N, C-alpha and C. Protein backbone atom coordinates (compact mmCIF):
# COMPACT_ATOMS: atom_id res chain seq x y z
N MET A 1 -17.21 -8.79 20.59
CA MET A 1 -16.72 -9.93 20.14
C MET A 1 -15.94 -9.68 18.77
N THR A 2 -14.76 -10.28 18.82
CA THR A 2 -13.84 -10.04 17.41
C THR A 2 -13.94 -11.26 16.77
N LEU A 3 -14.16 -11.17 15.45
CA LEU A 3 -14.22 -12.43 14.56
C LEU A 3 -12.86 -12.36 13.81
N GLU A 4 -12.29 -13.61 13.69
CA GLU A 4 -10.97 -13.80 12.86
C GLU A 4 -11.20 -13.39 11.44
N PRO A 5 -10.33 -12.56 10.78
CA PRO A 5 -10.37 -12.35 9.44
C PRO A 5 -10.33 -13.42 8.50
N VAL A 6 -10.92 -13.49 7.37
CA VAL A 6 -10.80 -14.59 6.36
C VAL A 6 -9.58 -14.11 5.51
N ARG A 7 -8.67 -15.10 5.18
CA ARG A 7 -7.45 -14.92 4.49
C ARG A 7 -7.40 -15.92 3.34
N LYS A 8 -7.23 -15.39 2.07
CA LYS A 8 -6.96 -16.38 1.05
C LYS A 8 -5.89 -15.90 0.03
N THR A 9 -5.19 -16.81 -0.44
CA THR A 9 -4.02 -16.44 -1.38
C THR A 9 -4.01 -17.29 -2.50
N ILE A 10 -3.59 -16.71 -3.63
CA ILE A 10 -3.32 -17.48 -4.82
C ILE A 10 -2.18 -16.80 -5.73
N THR A 11 -1.45 -17.54 -6.30
CA THR A 11 -0.28 -17.00 -7.21
C THR A 11 -0.82 -17.11 -8.56
N VAL A 12 -0.53 -16.15 -9.40
CA VAL A 12 -1.06 -16.08 -10.77
C VAL A 12 0.13 -15.87 -11.66
N ALA A 13 0.03 -16.34 -12.95
CA ALA A 13 1.12 -16.31 -13.83
C ALA A 13 1.02 -14.91 -14.63
N CYS A 14 1.29 -13.86 -14.06
CA CYS A 14 1.29 -12.59 -14.79
C CYS A 14 1.99 -11.55 -14.02
N SER A 15 2.22 -10.36 -14.66
CA SER A 15 2.95 -9.36 -13.84
C SER A 15 1.94 -8.79 -12.72
N ARG A 16 2.38 -8.08 -11.77
CA ARG A 16 1.62 -7.40 -10.84
C ARG A 16 0.86 -6.53 -11.38
N GLU A 17 1.28 -5.65 -12.44
CA GLU A 17 0.37 -4.65 -13.02
C GLU A 17 -0.75 -5.17 -13.68
N HIS A 18 -0.50 -6.37 -14.28
CA HIS A 18 -1.67 -7.05 -15.00
C HIS A 18 -2.58 -7.71 -14.07
N ALA A 19 -2.17 -8.22 -13.05
CA ALA A 19 -2.94 -8.81 -11.92
C ALA A 19 -3.92 -7.79 -11.42
N PHE A 20 -3.37 -6.56 -10.99
CA PHE A 20 -4.12 -5.55 -10.40
C PHE A 20 -5.20 -5.05 -11.38
N LYS A 21 -4.84 -4.85 -12.73
CA LYS A 21 -5.83 -4.33 -13.64
C LYS A 21 -6.82 -5.25 -13.90
N THR A 22 -6.55 -6.67 -13.91
CA THR A 22 -7.59 -7.63 -14.18
C THR A 22 -8.44 -7.63 -12.97
N TYR A 23 -7.88 -7.62 -11.59
CA TYR A 23 -8.82 -7.77 -10.44
C TYR A 23 -9.78 -6.47 -10.37
N THR A 24 -9.33 -5.32 -10.87
CA THR A 24 -9.94 -4.07 -10.70
C THR A 24 -10.74 -3.52 -11.92
N GLU A 25 -9.96 -3.17 -12.81
CA GLU A 25 -10.55 -2.70 -14.07
C GLU A 25 -11.47 -3.63 -14.93
N ALA A 26 -10.89 -4.92 -14.81
CA ALA A 26 -11.63 -6.00 -15.61
C ALA A 26 -12.42 -6.78 -14.62
N PHE A 27 -12.97 -6.26 -13.60
CA PHE A 27 -13.66 -6.95 -12.56
C PHE A 27 -14.77 -7.74 -12.98
N ASP A 28 -15.59 -7.11 -13.91
CA ASP A 28 -16.79 -7.85 -14.53
C ASP A 28 -16.39 -8.93 -15.30
N SER A 29 -15.20 -9.04 -15.97
CA SER A 29 -14.75 -10.11 -16.73
C SER A 29 -14.56 -11.57 -16.18
N TRP A 30 -14.33 -11.56 -14.89
CA TRP A 30 -14.20 -12.77 -13.94
C TRP A 30 -15.24 -12.93 -12.97
N TRP A 31 -15.96 -11.87 -12.61
CA TRP A 31 -17.04 -12.01 -11.56
C TRP A 31 -18.09 -12.88 -12.03
N PRO A 32 -18.38 -13.99 -11.25
CA PRO A 32 -19.55 -15.02 -11.66
C PRO A 32 -20.98 -14.40 -11.59
N ARG A 33 -21.62 -14.53 -12.69
CA ARG A 33 -22.94 -14.00 -12.99
C ARG A 33 -23.96 -14.29 -11.89
N GLN A 34 -23.82 -15.50 -11.17
CA GLN A 34 -24.80 -15.81 -10.15
C GLN A 34 -24.44 -15.09 -8.78
N HIS A 35 -23.32 -14.41 -8.58
CA HIS A 35 -23.06 -13.69 -7.47
C HIS A 35 -23.60 -12.26 -7.61
N HIS A 36 -25.00 -12.16 -7.28
CA HIS A 36 -25.56 -10.77 -7.17
C HIS A 36 -26.65 -10.69 -6.05
N ILE A 37 -27.11 -9.67 -5.70
CA ILE A 37 -28.17 -9.73 -4.68
C ILE A 37 -29.46 -8.97 -4.98
N GLY A 38 -29.31 -8.22 -6.34
CA GLY A 38 -30.47 -7.58 -6.82
C GLY A 38 -31.52 -8.70 -7.35
N ALA A 39 -32.77 -8.24 -7.54
CA ALA A 39 -33.80 -9.12 -8.08
C ALA A 39 -33.53 -9.51 -9.49
N GLY A 40 -33.07 -8.83 -10.40
CA GLY A 40 -32.81 -9.26 -11.74
C GLY A 40 -31.35 -9.80 -11.98
N ASP A 41 -31.30 -10.42 -12.97
CA ASP A 41 -30.04 -11.03 -13.37
C ASP A 41 -29.00 -10.15 -13.55
N LEU A 42 -27.69 -10.44 -13.17
CA LEU A 42 -26.54 -9.53 -13.08
C LEU A 42 -26.15 -9.24 -14.67
N ALA A 43 -26.03 -7.83 -14.85
CA ALA A 43 -25.71 -7.50 -16.24
C ALA A 43 -24.23 -7.17 -16.24
N GLU A 44 -23.76 -6.45 -15.07
CA GLU A 44 -22.43 -6.04 -14.98
C GLU A 44 -22.06 -5.92 -13.51
N ALA A 45 -20.82 -6.24 -13.16
CA ALA A 45 -20.25 -5.92 -11.81
C ALA A 45 -19.10 -4.87 -11.95
N VAL A 46 -19.17 -3.79 -11.33
CA VAL A 46 -18.34 -2.65 -11.35
C VAL A 46 -17.63 -2.28 -10.19
N LEU A 47 -16.32 -2.04 -10.43
CA LEU A 47 -15.35 -1.49 -9.35
C LEU A 47 -14.83 -0.19 -10.01
N GLU A 48 -15.27 0.91 -9.45
CA GLU A 48 -14.68 2.24 -10.03
C GLU A 48 -13.24 2.43 -9.52
N PRO A 49 -12.44 2.68 -10.39
CA PRO A 49 -10.93 2.79 -10.23
C PRO A 49 -10.55 3.99 -9.48
N LYS A 50 -10.92 4.38 -8.30
CA LYS A 50 -10.49 5.47 -7.58
C LYS A 50 -10.93 5.49 -6.07
N PRO A 51 -10.16 6.25 -5.26
CA PRO A 51 -10.68 6.21 -3.81
C PRO A 51 -12.15 6.92 -3.72
N GLY A 52 -12.84 6.34 -3.11
CA GLY A 52 -14.32 6.83 -2.90
C GLY A 52 -15.17 6.24 -4.00
N GLY A 53 -14.60 5.40 -5.00
CA GLY A 53 -15.32 4.86 -6.09
C GLY A 53 -16.39 3.88 -5.55
N ARG A 54 -17.35 3.62 -6.44
CA ARG A 54 -18.47 2.74 -6.00
C ARG A 54 -18.09 1.27 -6.52
N TRP A 55 -18.61 0.27 -5.77
CA TRP A 55 -18.30 -1.02 -5.94
C TRP A 55 -19.72 -1.56 -6.01
N TYR A 56 -20.35 -2.02 -7.12
CA TYR A 56 -21.75 -2.21 -7.34
C TYR A 56 -22.24 -3.20 -8.45
N GLU A 57 -23.23 -3.56 -8.54
CA GLU A 57 -23.89 -4.55 -9.56
C GLU A 57 -24.92 -3.61 -10.26
N ARG A 58 -24.99 -3.92 -11.55
CA ARG A 58 -26.07 -3.43 -12.38
C ARG A 58 -26.84 -4.71 -12.86
N THR A 59 -28.08 -4.75 -12.83
CA THR A 59 -28.98 -5.88 -13.28
C THR A 59 -29.51 -5.57 -14.61
N VAL A 60 -29.89 -6.69 -15.26
CA VAL A 60 -30.36 -6.50 -16.77
C VAL A 60 -31.54 -5.57 -16.84
N ASP A 61 -32.26 -5.24 -15.76
CA ASP A 61 -33.27 -4.32 -15.90
C ASP A 61 -32.80 -2.89 -15.59
N GLY A 62 -31.47 -2.61 -15.40
CA GLY A 62 -30.88 -1.27 -15.11
C GLY A 62 -30.73 -0.88 -13.76
N ALA A 63 -31.30 -1.67 -12.84
CA ALA A 63 -31.17 -1.36 -11.49
C ALA A 63 -29.84 -1.46 -10.97
N GLU A 64 -29.38 -0.58 -9.99
CA GLU A 64 -28.02 -0.75 -9.43
C GLU A 64 -28.11 -0.95 -7.90
N CYS A 65 -27.24 -1.72 -7.49
CA CYS A 65 -27.04 -2.17 -5.92
C CYS A 65 -25.62 -2.08 -5.56
N ASP A 66 -25.40 -0.97 -4.62
CA ASP A 66 -24.09 -0.83 -4.09
C ASP A 66 -23.73 -1.93 -3.21
N TRP A 67 -22.55 -2.47 -3.37
CA TRP A 67 -21.84 -3.50 -2.50
C TRP A 67 -20.95 -2.93 -1.26
N GLY A 68 -20.44 -1.67 -1.78
CA GLY A 68 -19.60 -0.84 -0.83
C GLY A 68 -18.90 0.20 -1.78
N GLU A 69 -17.71 0.48 -1.14
CA GLU A 69 -16.99 1.58 -1.94
C GLU A 69 -15.42 1.22 -1.87
N VAL A 70 -14.66 1.94 -2.66
CA VAL A 70 -13.28 1.99 -2.83
C VAL A 70 -12.59 2.68 -1.59
N LEU A 71 -12.09 2.12 -0.61
CA LEU A 71 -11.55 2.91 0.57
C LEU A 71 -10.02 3.30 0.26
N VAL A 72 -9.24 2.42 -0.34
CA VAL A 72 -7.80 2.77 -0.67
C VAL A 72 -7.62 2.21 -2.14
N TRP A 73 -6.99 3.13 -2.93
CA TRP A 73 -6.67 2.91 -4.34
C TRP A 73 -5.20 3.04 -4.55
N GLU A 74 -4.25 2.02 -4.44
CA GLU A 74 -2.82 2.06 -4.67
C GLU A 74 -2.33 1.05 -5.83
N PRO A 75 -2.54 1.45 -6.99
CA PRO A 75 -2.13 0.64 -8.12
C PRO A 75 -0.65 0.57 -8.08
N PRO A 76 0.14 -0.59 -8.46
CA PRO A 76 -0.58 -1.92 -8.50
C PRO A 76 -0.38 -2.74 -7.20
N VAL A 77 -0.32 -2.06 -6.13
CA VAL A 77 0.08 -2.72 -4.92
C VAL A 77 -1.14 -3.14 -4.07
N ARG A 78 -2.21 -2.41 -3.97
CA ARG A 78 -3.32 -2.91 -3.17
C ARG A 78 -4.58 -2.09 -3.51
N VAL A 79 -5.75 -2.64 -3.06
CA VAL A 79 -6.94 -1.92 -3.02
C VAL A 79 -7.66 -2.46 -1.84
N VAL A 80 -8.38 -1.45 -1.29
CA VAL A 80 -9.24 -1.85 -0.08
C VAL A 80 -10.63 -1.43 -0.33
N LEU A 81 -11.67 -2.31 -0.07
CA LEU A 81 -13.10 -2.24 -0.48
C LEU A 81 -13.74 -2.33 0.93
N SER A 82 -14.97 -1.57 1.10
CA SER A 82 -15.85 -1.77 2.12
C SER A 82 -16.88 -2.78 1.65
N TRP A 83 -17.50 -3.56 2.52
CA TRP A 83 -18.47 -4.59 2.23
C TRP A 83 -19.62 -4.35 3.11
N ARG A 84 -20.68 -3.80 2.42
CA ARG A 84 -21.89 -3.33 3.05
C ARG A 84 -23.01 -4.49 2.97
N ILE A 85 -22.70 -5.53 2.66
CA ILE A 85 -23.75 -6.67 2.49
C ILE A 85 -23.77 -7.54 3.82
N ASP A 86 -24.91 -7.52 4.43
CA ASP A 86 -25.02 -8.23 5.78
C ASP A 86 -25.20 -9.60 5.61
N GLY A 87 -25.30 -10.34 6.84
CA GLY A 87 -25.41 -11.81 6.86
C GLY A 87 -26.58 -12.48 6.20
N ASP A 88 -27.64 -11.59 5.86
CA ASP A 88 -28.84 -11.97 5.25
C ASP A 88 -28.86 -11.61 3.84
N TRP A 89 -27.54 -11.37 3.22
CA TRP A 89 -27.37 -11.02 1.96
C TRP A 89 -28.19 -9.66 1.47
N LYS A 90 -28.34 -8.79 2.40
CA LYS A 90 -29.05 -7.46 2.05
C LYS A 90 -28.06 -6.31 2.37
N ILE A 91 -28.39 -5.36 1.67
CA ILE A 91 -27.48 -4.03 1.79
C ILE A 91 -27.70 -3.39 3.04
N ASP A 92 -26.67 -3.17 3.85
CA ASP A 92 -26.72 -2.13 4.96
C ASP A 92 -26.20 -0.82 4.61
N PRO A 93 -27.04 0.22 4.52
CA PRO A 93 -26.33 1.48 4.02
C PRO A 93 -25.55 2.24 4.94
N ASP A 94 -25.40 1.74 6.23
CA ASP A 94 -24.62 2.56 7.32
C ASP A 94 -23.25 2.09 6.91
N PRO A 95 -22.31 3.00 6.56
CA PRO A 95 -20.90 2.61 6.37
C PRO A 95 -20.09 2.18 7.64
N ALA A 96 -20.66 2.52 8.71
CA ALA A 96 -19.96 2.13 10.01
C ALA A 96 -20.15 0.65 10.34
N ARG A 97 -21.21 0.04 9.63
CA ARG A 97 -21.38 -1.42 9.82
C ARG A 97 -20.95 -2.19 8.59
N ALA A 98 -19.98 -1.77 7.93
CA ALA A 98 -19.29 -2.47 6.72
C ALA A 98 -18.01 -2.99 7.21
N SER A 99 -17.88 -4.32 6.80
CA SER A 99 -16.41 -4.91 6.89
C SER A 99 -15.55 -4.46 5.80
N GLU A 100 -14.31 -4.88 5.76
CA GLU A 100 -13.38 -4.47 4.88
C GLU A 100 -12.72 -5.56 4.09
N ILE A 101 -12.36 -5.42 2.92
CA ILE A 101 -11.56 -6.29 2.12
C ILE A 101 -10.48 -5.69 1.59
N GLU A 102 -9.28 -6.29 1.91
CA GLU A 102 -8.03 -5.74 1.44
C GLU A 102 -7.42 -6.72 0.58
N VAL A 103 -7.07 -6.17 -0.69
CA VAL A 103 -6.39 -7.24 -1.66
C VAL A 103 -4.91 -6.61 -2.08
N ARG A 104 -4.03 -7.46 -1.74
CA ARG A 104 -2.61 -7.08 -2.13
C ARG A 104 -2.16 -7.85 -3.15
N PHE A 105 -1.18 -7.17 -3.93
CA PHE A 105 -0.61 -7.76 -5.20
C PHE A 105 0.93 -7.67 -4.95
N LEU A 106 1.54 -8.94 -4.72
CA LEU A 106 3.04 -8.95 -4.40
C LEU A 106 3.65 -9.74 -5.48
N GLU A 107 4.63 -8.81 -6.08
CA GLU A 107 5.39 -9.42 -7.13
C GLU A 107 6.39 -10.43 -6.76
N GLU A 108 6.46 -11.69 -7.31
CA GLU A 108 7.27 -12.63 -6.98
C GLU A 108 8.28 -12.96 -8.06
N GLY A 109 8.13 -12.33 -9.27
CA GLY A 109 8.89 -12.50 -10.36
C GLY A 109 8.33 -11.72 -11.56
N PRO A 110 8.93 -11.66 -12.70
CA PRO A 110 8.33 -10.78 -13.81
C PRO A 110 7.14 -11.24 -14.40
N ARG A 111 6.71 -12.66 -14.27
CA ARG A 111 5.48 -13.20 -14.55
C ARG A 111 4.83 -14.02 -13.57
N SER A 112 4.96 -13.51 -12.33
CA SER A 112 4.37 -14.26 -11.08
C SER A 112 4.07 -13.38 -10.02
N THR A 113 2.80 -13.38 -9.54
CA THR A 113 2.32 -12.35 -8.66
C THR A 113 1.45 -13.12 -7.77
N ARG A 114 1.69 -12.94 -6.34
CA ARG A 114 0.89 -13.45 -5.23
C ARG A 114 -0.13 -12.47 -4.90
N VAL A 115 -1.40 -12.83 -4.84
CA VAL A 115 -2.47 -12.09 -4.49
C VAL A 115 -3.15 -12.59 -3.17
N GLU A 116 -3.17 -11.64 -2.29
CA GLU A 116 -3.64 -11.96 -0.85
C GLU A 116 -4.97 -11.13 -0.74
N VAL A 117 -5.90 -11.89 -0.24
CA VAL A 117 -7.20 -11.21 0.13
C VAL A 117 -7.39 -11.39 1.62
N GLU A 118 -7.76 -10.28 2.24
CA GLU A 118 -8.04 -10.31 3.65
C GLU A 118 -9.38 -9.61 3.94
N HIS A 119 -10.29 -10.42 4.32
CA HIS A 119 -11.79 -9.82 4.71
C HIS A 119 -11.79 -9.76 6.17
N ARG A 120 -11.91 -8.59 6.79
CA ARG A 120 -11.71 -8.35 8.11
C ARG A 120 -13.02 -7.44 8.63
N ASP A 121 -12.99 -7.38 9.95
CA ASP A 121 -13.93 -6.38 10.82
C ASP A 121 -15.39 -6.81 10.55
N PHE A 122 -15.62 -8.28 10.59
CA PHE A 122 -16.81 -8.68 10.51
C PHE A 122 -17.79 -8.32 11.68
N GLU A 123 -17.19 -8.09 12.74
CA GLU A 123 -18.03 -7.67 13.94
C GLU A 123 -18.79 -6.35 13.76
N ARG A 124 -18.23 -5.49 12.75
CA ARG A 124 -19.07 -4.34 12.42
C ARG A 124 -20.42 -4.43 11.91
N HIS A 125 -20.71 -5.79 11.41
CA HIS A 125 -21.95 -6.19 10.82
C HIS A 125 -23.03 -6.47 11.95
N GLY A 126 -22.52 -6.34 13.33
CA GLY A 126 -23.35 -6.79 14.39
C GLY A 126 -23.72 -8.22 14.45
N GLU A 127 -25.10 -8.46 14.65
CA GLU A 127 -25.41 -9.75 14.84
C GLU A 127 -25.29 -10.65 13.71
N THR A 128 -25.22 -10.18 12.46
CA THR A 128 -25.05 -10.96 11.32
C THR A 128 -23.56 -11.16 10.81
N GLY A 129 -22.65 -10.55 11.66
CA GLY A 129 -21.27 -10.81 11.30
C GLY A 129 -20.71 -12.12 11.20
N VAL A 130 -21.23 -13.08 12.06
CA VAL A 130 -20.82 -14.54 12.06
C VAL A 130 -21.34 -15.11 10.60
N LYS A 131 -22.52 -14.73 10.29
CA LYS A 131 -23.08 -15.23 8.92
C LYS A 131 -22.28 -14.64 7.78
N VAL A 132 -21.96 -13.43 7.88
CA VAL A 132 -21.09 -12.79 6.71
C VAL A 132 -19.84 -13.64 6.55
N ARG A 133 -19.08 -13.83 7.68
CA ARG A 133 -17.82 -14.59 7.64
C ARG A 133 -17.94 -15.99 7.19
N GLU A 134 -18.92 -16.67 7.65
CA GLU A 134 -19.28 -18.00 7.06
C GLU A 134 -19.54 -17.96 5.63
N GLY A 135 -20.18 -17.07 5.12
CA GLY A 135 -20.59 -16.98 3.78
C GLY A 135 -19.35 -16.67 2.77
N VAL A 136 -18.43 -15.65 3.13
CA VAL A 136 -17.34 -15.41 2.34
C VAL A 136 -16.13 -16.40 2.49
N SER A 137 -16.24 -17.22 3.60
CA SER A 137 -15.11 -18.20 3.73
C SER A 137 -15.37 -19.54 3.17
N GLY A 138 -16.70 -19.81 2.87
CA GLY A 138 -16.96 -21.17 2.43
C GLY A 138 -17.09 -21.25 0.79
N GLU A 139 -17.94 -22.23 0.45
CA GLU A 139 -18.05 -22.52 -0.96
C GLU A 139 -18.56 -21.28 -1.82
N GLY A 140 -17.98 -20.93 -2.66
CA GLY A 140 -18.39 -19.74 -3.57
C GLY A 140 -17.73 -18.48 -3.01
N GLY A 141 -17.06 -18.55 -1.83
CA GLY A 141 -16.50 -17.38 -1.27
C GLY A 141 -15.10 -16.91 -1.91
N HIS A 142 -14.41 -16.21 -1.08
CA HIS A 142 -13.04 -15.60 -1.63
C HIS A 142 -12.24 -16.64 -2.40
N GLY A 143 -12.13 -17.79 -1.82
CA GLY A 143 -11.26 -18.89 -2.42
C GLY A 143 -11.73 -19.20 -3.86
N THR A 144 -13.07 -19.41 -4.08
CA THR A 144 -13.56 -19.68 -5.45
C THR A 144 -13.31 -18.35 -6.38
N LEU A 145 -13.59 -17.08 -5.67
CA LEU A 145 -13.48 -16.02 -6.41
C LEU A 145 -11.92 -15.76 -6.98
N LEU A 146 -11.10 -16.13 -6.06
CA LEU A 146 -9.53 -15.93 -6.42
C LEU A 146 -9.26 -16.83 -7.66
N LYS A 147 -9.71 -18.16 -7.54
CA LYS A 147 -9.53 -18.99 -8.76
C LYS A 147 -10.06 -18.46 -10.03
N LEU A 148 -11.26 -17.94 -10.00
CA LEU A 148 -11.81 -17.38 -11.20
C LEU A 148 -10.99 -16.11 -11.70
N PHE A 149 -10.69 -15.32 -10.89
CA PHE A 149 -9.80 -14.31 -11.04
C PHE A 149 -8.40 -14.70 -11.75
N ALA A 150 -7.83 -15.71 -11.09
CA ALA A 150 -6.44 -16.24 -11.52
C ALA A 150 -6.72 -16.75 -12.98
N GLU A 151 -7.66 -17.54 -13.19
CA GLU A 151 -7.87 -18.00 -14.55
C GLU A 151 -7.88 -16.96 -15.71
N LYS A 152 -8.68 -15.84 -15.23
CA LYS A 152 -8.76 -14.75 -16.21
C LYS A 152 -7.36 -14.01 -16.39
N ALA A 153 -6.76 -13.84 -15.14
CA ALA A 153 -5.51 -13.01 -15.26
C ALA A 153 -4.44 -13.70 -16.09
N ALA A 154 -4.50 -15.05 -15.97
CA ALA A 154 -3.40 -15.88 -16.67
C ALA A 154 -3.67 -15.99 -18.06
N ALA A 155 -4.86 -15.78 -18.57
CA ALA A 155 -5.28 -16.05 -19.97
C ALA A 155 -4.57 -15.01 -20.94
């Protein structure tokens, strides 16, 4: 069974370079505190800026929880991340069962950048793939996250 990718787009009032840096290097500055899967409250959301870098959360008690890894790092054009969180919001350590999130930064002008997010390969999650897709496409999913990112990038 193949599940349709989730695609979301937003235009931000900033350069492509600034949009890329805000999405990646300043990831924690716009990531919502309630979006975490660890037992403790979220202290920091981290996206390590390199191929093979970790994408993870650190809770206030110091525990870390890997969400995935950086698969492609092409500043300021795109970043591709693996998503190892299953439909029950638990970590699946098997990289073969991870979906992918590609974020593209398309310059539309000196201070205008279109950001496109495509979350794909949900079927890799097995029986929880439908739940993963529903979760990231609904309330609080990629559309909401893009709005929070755009507010921070434009500030």
